Amino acid sequence: MWSKCRSPPAIQSGCVTGSRQQETKDPDKQPQEPGEDGETSTEGLAQESKNKPAIQDTKLGWLVSDPTGQDRLKSLKVTCSFSQELQDNLKRFWEIEESYSEQFARSPDEHFCERQFVETTKRLDNGRFSVLMPLKEEPKCALGDSYAMAKKRLLNLETRLDKNPELKDAYSKFINEYKELGHLIEIARPQFSVYLPHHCIIKEHHETTKVRVVFDASATTTSGKSLNDIQAAGPVI
């Protein structure tokens, strides 16, 4: 029987029953390096006798070992026990790993977007960057007319803004700022184009920009498809 000691799992280094008491270190004895003469470090090792199981405190936790000779190999049995808590933790670990792998597995659209970004990104003379939109279909073939829809929504927006002069002023300032920054320019009506209706979002809690203009690329054209419908969805970055 092992004697009772304070540290888990019920014994300390060199703590045994009988006349053998807790061992003290010899200050003149040099510590043995792991691996010398085929032996491992005995620090933190407790064993009742040479041929009995030993227990050792390691950086990986408590280890239990049993000496095995050639005459014992024939009847050697290895038993590994897991607590329910450990089993649940292992199961949860692998579930998280599988979920992580599935979450970051790239779809064909994501590979397409990444490839197009790498192949088409270029720096303009004014310092800005230009990237082609990752379109899955040709707009002229997939999209119908969008001019009438966009014009109708613009007229409805103007009616709403006329009822709120303060909002109309903030909206106009935002559009003019867009123009000053070079984000929009006036052009002649092209033979084919996609018109995006826009509307405002009001954020009262913002200190600076309380009105933000949003362009609706999900507005459907006469073909039933929108610009967003024919764009590939890239990976989350």
C-alpha atoms as a PDB file:
ATOM      1  CA  MET A   1       0.000   0.000   0.000  1.00  0.00           C
ATOM      2  CA  TRP A   2       1.175   3.487  -0.795  1.00  0.00           C
ATOM      3  CA  SER A   3       1.359   5.881   2.122  1.00  0.00           C
ATOM      4  CA  LYS A   4      -0.828   8.976   2.118  1.00  0.00           C
ATOM      5  CA  CYS A   5       0.808  12.101   0.686  1.00  0.00           C
ATOM      6  CA  ARG A   6      -0.504  15.552  -0.108  1.00  0.00           C
ATOM      7  CA  SER A   7       0.025  15.853  -3.880  1.00  0.00           C
ATOM      8  CA  PRO A   8      -2.062  13.812  -6.387  1.00  0.00           C
ATOM      9  CA  PRO A   9      -2.532  11.050  -7.177  1.00  0.00           C
ATOM     10  CA  ALA A  10      -1.659  10.047  -3.563  1.00  0.00           C
ATOM     11  CA  ILE A  11       2.123   9.885  -3.485  1.00  0.00           C
ATOM     12  CA  GLN A  12       5.092  12.210  -3.771  1.00  0.00           C
ATOM     13  CA  SER A  13       8.554  11.615  -5.127  1.00  0.00           C
ATOM     14  CA  GLY A  14      10.257   8.957  -3.007  1.00  0.00           C
ATOM     15  CA  CYS A  15       7.340   8.632  -0.585  1.00  0.00           C
ATOM     16  CA  VAL A  16       6.702   4.936   0.247  1.00  0.00           C
ATOM     17  CA  THR A  17       5.523   2.794   3.155  1.00  0.00           C
ATOM     18  CA  GLY A  18       7.695   0.872   5.623  1.00  0.00           C
ATOM     19  CA  SER A  19      11.101   1.973   6.653  1.00  0.00           C
ATOM     20  CA  ARG A  20      11.798   3.840   3.413  1.00  0.00           C
ATOM     21  CA  GLN A  21      11.112   7.514   3.966  1.00  0.00           C
ATOM     22  CA  GLN A  22      10.998  10.460   1.595  1.00  0.00           C
ATOM     23  CA  GLU A  23      14.296  10.725  -0.241  1.00  0.00           C
ATOM     24  CA  THR A  24      16.498  13.794   0.098  1.00  0.00           C
ATOM     25  CA  LYS A  25      18.715  15.084  -2.657  1.00  0.00           C
ATOM     26  CA  ASP A  26      22.488  14.825  -2.312  1.00  0.00           C
ATOM     27  CA  PRO A  27      23.956  18.292  -3.081  1.00  0.00           C
ATOM     28  CA  ASP A  28      27.176  16.669  -4.334  1.00  0.00           C
ATOM     29  CA  LYS A  29      25.388  14.341  -6.728  1.00  0.00           C
ATOM     30  CA  GLN A  30      25.156  15.550 -10.305  1.00  0.00           C
ATOM     31  CA  PRO A  31      21.661  15.222 -11.825  1.00  0.00           C
ATOM     32  CA  GLN A  32      21.407  12.554 -14.486  1.00  0.00           C
ATOM     33  CA  GLU A  33      20.513  13.790 -17.968  1.00  0.00           C
ATOM     34  CA  PRO A  34      17.595  12.077 -19.702  1.00  0.00           C
ATOM     35  CA  GLY A  35      18.766   9.317 -21.980  1.00  0.00           C
ATOM     36  CA  GLU A  36      22.123   8.577 -20.249  1.00  0.00           C
ATOM     37  CA  ASP A  37      22.907   4.821 -20.133  1.00  0.00           C
ATOM     38  CA  GLY A  38      19.494   4.122 -21.615  1.00  0.00           C
ATOM     39  CA  GLU A  39      17.735   5.548 -18.557  1.00  0.00           C
ATOM     40  CA  THR A  40      15.361   8.464 -18.210  1.00  0.00           C
ATOM     41  CA  SER A  41      15.230  11.107 -15.513  1.00  0.00           C
ATOM     42  CA  THR A  42      13.961   9.799 -12.155  1.00  0.00           C
ATOM     43  CA  GLU A  43      12.946  13.211 -10.856  1.00  0.00           C
ATOM     44  CA  GLY A  44       9.420  13.058  -9.489  1.00  0.00           C
ATOM     45  CA  LEU A  45       9.485   9.230  -9.599  1.00  0.00           C
ATOM     46  CA  ALA A  46       7.998   7.084  -6.837  1.00  0.00           C
ATOM     47  CA  GLN A  47       8.181   3.270  -6.803  1.00  0.00           C
ATOM     48  CA  GLU A  48       7.474   0.778  -4.023  1.00  0.00           C
ATOM     49  CA  SER A  49       9.975  -1.786  -5.332  1.00  0.00           C
ATOM     50  CA  LYS A  50      11.972  -2.503  -8.459  1.00  0.00           C
ATOM     51  CA  ASN A  51       9.462  -4.889 -10.002  1.00  0.00           C
ATOM     52  CA  LYS A  52       6.340  -2.939  -9.050  1.00  0.00           C
ATOM     53  CA  PRO A  53       4.550  -0.205 -11.041  1.00  0.00           C
ATOM     54  CA  ALA A  54       6.010   3.266 -10.702  1.00  0.00           C
ATOM     55  CA  ILE A  55       4.334   6.656 -10.782  1.00  0.00           C
ATOM     56  CA  GLN A  56       6.030   9.814 -11.995  1.00  0.00           C
ATOM     57  CA  ASP A  57       5.058  13.495 -12.096  1.00  0.00           C
ATOM     58  CA  THR A  58       5.924  14.900 -15.561  1.00  0.00           C
ATOM     59  CA  LYS A  59       5.187  18.030 -17.557  1.00  0.00           C
ATOM     60  CA  LEU A  60       2.428  16.053 -19.281  1.00  0.00           C
ATOM     61  CA  GLY A  61       0.855  15.025 -15.985  1.00  0.00           C
ATOM     62  CA  TRP A  62       1.061  11.890 -13.849  1.00  0.00           C
ATOM     63  CA  LEU A  63       2.337   8.780 -15.657  1.00  0.00           C
ATOM     64  CA  VAL A  64       2.058   5.183 -14.434  1.00  0.00           C
ATOM     65  CA  SER A  65       4.581   2.685 -15.799  1.00  0.00           C
ATOM     66  CA  ASP A  66       5.210  -1.014 -15.199  1.00  0.00           C
ATOM     67  CA  PRO A  67       8.492  -2.844 -15.918  1.00  0.00           C
ATOM     68  CA  THR A  68       8.232  -5.451 -18.640  1.00  0.00           C
ATOM     69  CA  GLY A  69      10.767  -8.168 -19.314  1.00  0.00           C
ATOM     70  CA  GLN A  70      10.984 -10.628 -22.166  1.00  0.00           C
ATOM     71  CA  ASP A  71       9.356 -13.304 -20.013  1.00  0.00           C
ATOM     72  CA  ARG A  72       6.334 -11.067 -19.441  1.00  0.00           C
ATOM     73  CA  LEU A  73       5.726  -9.911 -23.014  1.00  0.00           C
ATOM     74  CA  LYS A  74       3.718 -13.014 -23.922  1.00  0.00           C
ATOM     75  CA  SER A  75       1.014 -12.231 -21.380  1.00  0.00           C
ATOM     76  CA  LEU A  76       1.315  -8.461 -21.555  1.00  0.00           C
ATOM     77  CA  LYS A  77      -1.971  -6.580 -21.595  1.00  0.00           C
ATOM     78  CA  VAL A  78      -2.428  -2.857 -22.077  1.00  0.00           C
ATOM     79  CA  THR A  79      -5.451  -1.166 -20.556  1.00  0.00           C
ATOM     80  CA  CYS A  80      -6.415   2.425 -21.270  1.00  0.00           C
ATOM     81  CA  SER A  81      -9.234   4.049 -19.341  1.00  0.00           C
ATOM     82  CA  PHE A  82     -11.043   7.286 -20.222  1.00  0.00           C
ATOM     83  CA  SER A  83     -13.351   9.206 -18.004  1.00  0.00           C
ATOM     84  CA  GLN A  84     -16.656  10.427 -19.420  1.00  0.00           C
ATOM     85  CA  GLU A  85     -15.475  14.024 -19.069  1.00  0.00           C
ATOM     86  CA  LEU A  86     -12.311  13.314 -21.079  1.00  0.00           C
ATOM     87  CA  GLN A  87     -14.318  11.489 -23.736  1.00  0.00           C
ATOM     88  CA  ASP A  88     -16.736  14.411 -24.041  1.00  0.00           C
ATOM     89  CA  ASN A  89     -13.840  16.872 -24.346  1.00  0.00           C
ATOM     90  CA  LEU A  90     -12.199  14.800 -27.095  1.00  0.00           C
ATOM     91  CA  LYS A  91     -15.492  14.565 -28.971  1.00  0.00           C
ATOM     92  CA  ARG A  92     -16.002  18.306 -28.702  1.00  0.00           C
ATOM     93  CA  PHE A  93     -12.435  18.949 -29.917  1.00  0.00           C
ATOM     94  CA  TRP A  94     -12.914  16.921 -33.109  1.00  0.00           C
ATOM     95  CA  GLU A  95     -16.321  18.470 -33.747  1.00  0.00           C
ATOM     96  CA  ILE A  96     -14.727  21.925 -33.564  1.00  0.00           C
ATOM     97  CA  GLU A  97     -11.918  20.811 -35.896  1.00  0.00           C
ATOM     98  CA  GLU A  98     -14.381  19.437 -38.460  1.00  0.00           C
ATOM     99  CA  SER A  99     -16.538  22.550 -38.244  1.00  0.00           C
ATOM    100  CA  TYR A 100     -13.450  24.757 -38.736  1.00  0.00           C
ATOM    101  CA  SER A 101     -12.359  22.766 -41.825  1.00  0.00           C
ATOM    102  CA  GLU A 102     -15.843  22.871 -43.344  1.00  0.00           C
ATOM    103  CA  GLN A 103     -16.190  26.587 -42.624  1.00  0.00           C
ATOM    104  CA  PHE A 104     -12.970  27.486 -44.404  1.00  0.00           C
ATOM    105  CA  ALA A 105     -13.300  25.074 -47.322  1.00  0.00           C
ATOM    106  CA  ARG A 106     -13.349  27.206 -50.478  1.00  0.00           C
ATOM    107  CA  SER A 107     -16.303  26.937 -52.845  1.00  0.00           C
ATOM    108  CA  PRO A 108     -15.886  27.153 -56.663  1.00  0.00           C
ATOM    109  CA  ASP A 109     -17.199  30.752 -56.572  1.00  0.00           C
ATOM    110  CA  GLU A 110     -14.659  31.686 -53.915  1.00  0.00           C
ATOM    111  CA  HIS A 111     -11.802  30.195 -55.938  1.00  0.00           C
ATOM    112  CA  PHE A 112     -13.060  32.085 -59.002  1.00  0.00           C
ATOM    113  CA  CYS A 113     -13.202  35.396 -57.114  1.00  0.00           C
ATOM    114  CA  GLU A 114      -9.724  34.954 -55.693  1.00  0.00           C
ATOM    115  CA  ARG A 115      -8.262  34.038 -59.075  1.00  0.00           C
ATOM    116  CA  GLN A 116      -9.907  36.989 -60.801  1.00  0.00           C
ATOM    117  CA  PHE A 117      -8.763  39.367 -58.087  1.00  0.00           C
ATOM    118  CA  VAL A 118      -5.147  38.243 -58.497  1.00  0.00           C
ATOM    119  CA  GLU A 119      -5.269  38.360 -62.305  1.00  0.00           C
ATOM    120  CA  THR A 120      -7.125  41.648 -62.856  1.00  0.00           C
ATOM    121  CA  THR A 121      -6.129  43.961 -60.001  1.00  0.00           C
ATOM    122  CA  LYS A 122      -4.055  46.904 -61.205  1.00  0.00           C
ATOM    123  CA  ARG A 123      -2.981  50.324 -59.972  1.00  0.00           C
ATOM    124  CA  LEU A 124      -4.196  53.349 -61.930  1.00  0.00           C
ATOM    125  CA  ASP A 125      -2.159  56.468 -62.649  1.00  0.00           C
ATOM    126  CA  ASN A 126      -4.097  58.420 -60.010  1.00  0.00           C
ATOM    127  CA  GLY A 127      -3.078  55.911 -57.324  1.00  0.00           C
ATOM    128  CA  ARG A 128      -6.389  54.074 -57.118  1.00  0.00           C
ATOM    129  CA  PHE A 129      -6.867  50.376 -57.692  1.00  0.00           C
ATOM    130  CA  SER A 130      -9.040  48.809 -60.382  1.00  0.00           C
ATOM    131  CA  VAL A 131     -10.558  45.319 -60.144  1.00  0.00           C
ATOM    132  CA  LEU A 132     -13.016  43.628 -62.477  1.00  0.00           C
ATOM    133  CA  MET A 133     -16.326  42.541 -60.988  1.00  0.00           C
ATOM    134  CA  PRO A 134     -16.498  38.729 -60.543  1.00  0.00           C
ATOM    135  CA  LEU A 135     -19.436  38.130 -62.876  1.00  0.00           C
ATOM    136  CA  LYS A 136     -20.702  34.607 -63.475  1.00  0.00           C
ATOM    137  CA  GLU A 137     -22.809  35.627 -66.470  1.00  0.00           C
ATOM    138  CA  GLU A 138     -22.585  38.203 -69.230  1.00  0.00           C
ATOM    139  CA  PRO A 139     -24.734  41.197 -68.137  1.00  0.00           C
ATOM    140  CA  LYS A 140     -26.067  41.871 -71.641  1.00  0.00           C
ATOM    141  CA  CYS A 141     -27.418  38.327 -71.813  1.00  0.00           C
ATOM    142  CA  ALA A 142     -28.531  37.822 -68.201  1.00  0.00           C
ATOM    143  CA  LEU A 143     -29.960  41.235 -67.273  1.00  0.00           C
ATOM    144  CA  GLY A 144     -32.900  43.106 -68.756  1.00  0.00           C
ATOM    145  CA  ASP A 145     -33.831  46.769 -68.670  1.00  0.00           C
ATOM    146  CA  SER A 146     -33.382  48.565 -65.350  1.00  0.00           C
ATOM    147  CA  TYR A 147     -33.900  52.212 -66.354  1.00  0.00           C
ATOM    148  CA  ALA A 148     -37.671  52.385 -65.759  1.00  0.00           C
ATOM    149  CA  MET A 149     -37.406  50.704 -62.359  1.00  0.00           C
ATOM    150  CA  ALA A 150     -34.575  52.984 -61.205  1.00  0.00           C
ATOM    151  CA  LYS A 151     -36.390  56.127 -62.417  1.00  0.00           C
ATOM    152  CA  LYS A 152     -39.595  55.172 -60.594  1.00  0.00           C
ATOM    153  CA  ARG A 153     -37.740  54.635 -57.329  1.00  0.00           C
ATOM    154  CA  LEU A 154     -35.905  57.952 -57.770  1.00  0.00           C
ATOM    155  CA  LEU A 155     -39.204  59.829 -58.153  1.00  0.00           C
ATOM    156  CA  ASN A 156     -40.570  58.126 -55.030  1.00  0.00           C
ATOM    157  CA  LEU A 157     -37.422  59.105 -53.172  1.00  0.00           C
ATOM    158  CA  GLU A 158     -37.741  62.744 -54.230  1.00  0.00           C
ATOM    159  CA  THR A 159     -41.343  62.790 -52.984  1.00  0.00           C
ATOM    160  CA  ARG A 160     -40.189  61.498 -49.618  1.00  0.00           C
ATOM    161  CA  LEU A 161     -37.332  64.006 -49.388  1.00  0.00           C
ATOM    162  CA  ASP A 162     -39.626  66.932 -50.272  1.00  0.00           C
ATOM    163  CA  LYS A 163     -41.551  66.180 -47.074  1.00  0.00           C
ATOM    164  CA  ASN A 164     -38.371  66.419 -44.985  1.00  0.00           C
ATOM    165  CA  PRO A 165     -36.216  69.453 -45.995  1.00  0.00           C
ATOM    166  CA  GLU A 166     -33.515  68.638 -43.419  1.00  0.00           C
ATOM    167  CA  LEU A 167     -33.147  65.077 -44.733  1.00  0.00           C
ATOM    168  CA  LYS A 168     -33.169  66.332 -48.347  1.00  0.00           C
ATOM    169  CA  ASP A 169     -30.350  68.752 -47.588  1.00  0.00           C
ATOM    170  CA  ALA A 170     -28.248  66.033 -45.947  1.00  0.00           C
ATOM    171  CA  TYR A 171     -28.937  63.664 -48.850  1.00  0.00           C
ATOM    172  CA  SER A 172     -27.931  66.293 -51.427  1.00  0.00           C
ATOM    173  CA  LYS A 173     -24.693  67.005 -49.551  1.00  0.00           C
ATOM    174  CA  PHE A 174     -23.833  63.323 -49.563  1.00  0.00           C
ATOM    175  CA  ILE A 175     -24.384  63.025 -53.338  1.00  0.00           C
ATOM    176  CA  ASN A 176     -22.368  66.178 -54.001  1.00  0.00           C
ATOM    177  CA  GLU A 177     -19.535  64.833 -51.847  1.00  0.00           C
ATOM    178  CA  TYR A 178     -19.593  61.652 -53.907  1.00  0.00           C
ATOM    179  CA  LYS A 179     -19.182  63.779 -57.022  1.00  0.00           C
ATOM    180  CA  GLU A 180     -16.351  65.865 -55.534  1.00  0.00           C
ATOM    181  CA  LEU A 181     -14.458  62.727 -54.554  1.00  0.00           C
ATOM    182  CA  GLY A 182     -14.740  61.421 -58.096  1.00  0.00           C
ATOM    183  CA  HIS A 183     -16.939  58.463 -57.200  1.00  0.00           C
ATOM    184  CA  LEU A 184     -19.559  59.508 -59.782  1.00  0.00           C
ATOM    185  CA  ILE A 185     -19.558  61.453 -63.040  1.00  0.00           C
ATOM    186  CA  GLU A 186     -22.306  62.451 -65.437  1.00  0.00           C
ATOM    187  CA  ILE A 187     -22.320  60.555 -68.738  1.00  0.00           C
ATOM    188  CA  ALA A 188     -24.563  60.186 -71.772  1.00  0.00           C
ATOM    189  CA  ARG A 189     -27.049  57.328 -71.605  1.00  0.00           C
ATOM    190  CA  PRO A 190     -25.275  54.242 -73.024  1.00  0.00           C
ATOM    191  CA  GLN A 191     -26.893  51.647 -75.249  1.00  0.00           C
ATOM    192  CA  PHE A 192     -26.769  49.075 -72.436  1.00  0.00           C
ATOM    193  CA  SER A 193     -26.237  49.722 -68.752  1.00  0.00           C
ATOM    194  CA  VAL A 194     -27.398  48.647 -65.324  1.00  0.00           C
ATOM    195  CA  TYR A 195     -29.077  51.375 -63.255  1.00  0.00           C
ATOM    196  CA  LEU A 196     -28.901  51.012 -59.495  1.00  0.00           C
ATOM    197  CA  PRO A 197     -31.601  52.755 -57.450  1.00  0.00           C
ATOM    198  CA  HIS A 198     -30.447  54.346 -54.221  1.00  0.00           C
ATOM    199  CA  HIS A 199     -31.974  55.321 -50.904  1.00  0.00           C
ATOM    200  CA  CYS A 200     -30.811  56.704 -47.574  1.00  0.00           C
ATOM    201  CA  ILE A 201     -30.216  55.106 -44.207  1.00  0.00           C
ATOM    202  CA  ILE A 202     -30.485  57.368 -41.171  1.00  0.00           C
ATOM    203  CA  LYS A 203     -28.278  56.680 -38.153  1.00  0.00           C
ATOM    204  CA  GLU A 204     -29.173  59.097 -35.391  1.00  0.00           C
ATOM    205  CA  HIS A 205     -26.513  57.823 -32.984  1.00  0.00           C
ATOM    206  CA  HIS A 206     -23.638  58.721 -35.327  1.00  0.00           C
ATOM    207  CA  GLU A 207     -21.764  61.860 -34.373  1.00  0.00           C
ATOM    208  CA  THR A 208     -20.670  62.801 -37.912  1.00  0.00           C
ATOM    209  CA  THR A 209     -22.485  61.078 -40.795  1.00  0.00           C
ATOM    210  CA  LYS A 210     -26.111  60.562 -39.796  1.00  0.00           C
ATOM    211  CA  VAL A 211     -27.289  59.968 -43.382  1.00  0.00           C
ATOM    212  CA  ARG A 212     -25.736  57.301 -45.584  1.00  0.00           C
ATOM    213  CA  VAL A 213     -26.688  56.571 -49.189  1.00  0.00           C
ATOM    214  CA  VAL A 214     -27.025  52.917 -50.182  1.00  0.00           C
ATOM    215  CA  PHE A 215     -27.082  51.662 -53.774  1.00  0.00           C
ATOM    216  CA  ASP A 216     -29.383  48.686 -54.269  1.00  0.00           C
ATOM    217  CA  ALA A 217     -27.628  46.112 -56.480  1.00  0.00           C
ATOM    218  CA  SER A 218     -30.324  43.554 -55.560  1.00  0.00           C
ATOM    219  CA  ALA A 219     -33.030  45.442 -57.487  1.00  0.00           C
ATOM    220  CA  THR A 220     -34.284  43.140 -60.229  1.00  0.00           C
ATOM    221  CA  THR A 221     -34.325  44.039 -63.915  1.00  0.00           C
ATOM    222  CA  THR A 222     -36.985  43.033 -66.460  1.00  0.00           C
ATOM    223  CA  SER A 223     -35.285  39.635 -66.831  1.00  0.00           C
ATOM    224  CA  GLY A 224     -35.964  38.845 -63.177  1.00  0.00           C
ATOM    225  CA  LYS A 225     -32.280  38.950 -62.278  1.00  0.00           C
ATOM    226  CA  SER A 226     -30.290  41.620 -60.477  1.00  0.00           C
ATOM    227  CA  LEU A 227     -26.644  42.602 -60.644  1.00  0.00           C
ATOM    228  CA  ASN A 228     -26.048  40.760 -57.386  1.00  0.00           C
ATOM    229  CA  ASP A 229     -27.571  37.614 -58.862  1.00  0.00           C
ATOM    230  CA  ILE A 230     -24.865  37.304 -61.520  1.00  0.00           C
ATOM    231  CA  GLN A 231     -21.960  38.099 -59.216  1.00  0.00           C
ATOM    232  CA  ALA A 232     -19.903  35.344 -57.607  1.00  0.00           C
ATOM    233  CA  ALA A 233     -19.671  35.492 -53.824  1.00  0.00           C
ATOM    234  CA  GLY A 234     -16.084  35.604 -52.628  1.00  0.00           C
ATOM    235  CA  PRO A 235     -14.676  34.343 -49.317  1.00  0.00           C
ATOM    236  CA  VAL A 236     -15.091  36.279 -46.103  1.00  0.00           C
ATOM    237  CA  ILE A 237     -11.995  38.374 -45.343  1.00  0.00           C
END
